[in-house]
Amino acid sequence: MDKKRRPRILYKPKGTSPLIVDELEFVENKCSVKARLVKVMGLTINIYIWFDQHYYHRHHTGDCNGKRENINPETIEDFVTKAVPYLVYLVLSLKDFLF
């Protein structure tokens, strides 16, 4: 019984980086066809994470259904801390994205 094999997807490299980088060369980037890197600078952003008093009260005493399992301030803080850089990236990358 001869089974037909699906055609393979051939790998085509998009380009290779040169062994020697010419810092004065104009190359293509997302903004221009011919551009030269002038400067790389770092930026520090302070993000304040606040918890409402109601949240803390509910966490410690529970509500009419009891305490929430595995939802504590440390877990929420960790989740938000990991999510914020990605959300900031999306805000800067996508013009219609708001949070």
Protein backbone atom coordinates (compact mmCIF):
# COMPACT_ATOMS: atom_id res chain seq x y z
CA MET A 1 0.00 0.00 0.00
CA ASP A 2 1.68 3.19 -1.20
CA LYS A 3 0.79 6.18 0.95
CA LYS A 4 1.19 9.60 -0.56
CA ARG A 5 3.40 11.83 1.49
CA ARG A 6 2.51 15.45 1.88
CA PRO A 7 4.98 17.87 0.35
CA ARG A 8 7.65 19.12 2.73
CA ILE A 9 8.01 22.78 3.56
CA LEU A 10 11.44 23.87 2.48
CA TYR A 11 13.39 26.08 4.85
CA LYS A 12 14.50 29.32 3.25
CA PRO A 13 16.75 31.47 5.40
CA LYS A 14 15.66 35.10 5.41
CA GLY A 15 19.19 36.38 5.63
CA THR A 16 22.37 35.91 7.50
CA SER A 17 24.11 38.39 9.70
CA PRO A 18 27.54 39.40 8.50
CA LEU A 19 30.58 38.34 10.48
CA ILE A 20 31.81 41.93 10.50
CA VAL A 21 29.26 44.57 11.44
CA ASP A 22 29.75 47.95 9.79
CA GLU A 23 28.45 50.55 12.26
CA LEU A 24 28.27 53.22 9.55
CA GLU A 25 26.20 51.14 7.13
CA PHE A 26 22.61 52.09 6.41
CA VAL A 27 20.35 49.05 6.77
CA GLU A 28 16.62 48.30 6.71
CA ASN A 29 14.60 48.38 9.92
CA LYS A 30 10.90 48.69 10.82
CA CYS A 31 10.84 52.45 10.19
CA SER A 32 12.97 52.92 7.10
CA VAL A 33 14.57 51.17 4.17
CA LYS A 34 17.91 52.83 4.82
CA ALA A 35 18.69 53.75 8.42
CA ARG A 36 21.70 53.81 10.71
CA LEU A 37 21.69 53.07 14.45
CA VAL A 38 22.80 56.20 16.27
CA LYS A 39 22.20 55.45 19.93
CA VAL A 40 20.73 52.87 22.27
CA MET A 41 19.40 54.23 25.54
CA GLY A 42 17.79 52.62 28.55
CA LEU A 43 14.66 53.85 30.23
CA THR A 44 13.38 53.25 33.74
CA ILE A 45 9.63 53.28 34.31
CA ASN A 46 8.16 53.26 37.81
CA ILE A 47 4.88 51.39 38.00
CA TYR A 48 2.89 51.57 41.20
CA ILE A 49 0.78 48.56 42.17
CA TRP A 50 -1.97 49.29 44.66
CA PHE A 51 -4.35 46.96 46.49
CA ASP A 52 -7.70 48.22 47.68
CA GLN A 53 -8.65 47.89 51.35
CA HIS A 54 -11.73 45.91 50.33
CA TYR A 55 -9.50 43.32 48.60
CA TYR A 56 -7.35 42.85 51.71
CA HIS A 57 -10.41 42.59 53.95
CA ARG A 58 -12.02 40.00 51.67
CA HIS A 59 -8.79 37.99 51.46
CA HIS A 60 -8.35 37.75 55.24
CA THR A 61 -11.95 37.28 56.32
CA GLY A 62 -13.54 35.80 53.20
CA ASP A 63 -16.96 36.68 51.82
CA CYS A 64 -20.35 34.96 51.98
CA ASN A 65 -18.85 32.03 50.00
CA GLY A 66 -15.76 31.75 52.21
CA LYS A 67 -12.11 32.52 51.48
CA ARG A 68 -10.82 32.27 47.95
CA GLU A 69 -8.41 29.37 47.48
CA ASN A 70 -4.99 30.21 45.98
CA ILE A 71 -5.89 33.85 45.43
CA ASN A 72 -3.74 35.78 47.84
CA PRO A 73 -2.01 39.18 47.60
CA GLU A 74 1.38 37.59 46.82
CA THR A 75 -0.04 35.60 43.87
CA ILE A 76 -1.86 38.63 42.48
CA GLU A 77 1.21 40.84 42.89
CA ASP A 78 3.38 38.27 41.08
CA PHE A 79 0.85 37.96 38.26
CA VAL A 80 0.54 41.73 37.78
CA THR A 81 4.34 42.19 37.96
CA LYS A 82 4.81 39.65 35.16
CA ALA A 83 1.92 41.02 33.04
CA VAL A 84 2.73 44.74 33.12
CA PRO A 85 5.84 44.71 30.86
CA TYR A 86 3.93 42.75 28.21
CA LEU A 87 0.93 45.10 28.46
CA VAL A 88 3.19 48.15 28.10
CA TYR A 89 4.74 46.55 25.02
CA LEU A 90 1.27 46.01 23.53
CA VAL A 91 0.26 49.62 24.24
CA LEU A 92 3.36 50.87 22.44
CA SER A 93 3.03 48.42 19.54
CA LEU A 94 -0.71 48.39 18.81
CA LYS A 95 -2.46 51.73 18.30
CA ASP A 96 -5.90 50.42 19.31
CA PHE A 97 -4.82 48.53 22.45
CA LEU A 98 -5.79 50.09 25.77
CA PHE A 99 -5.78 48.68 29.28
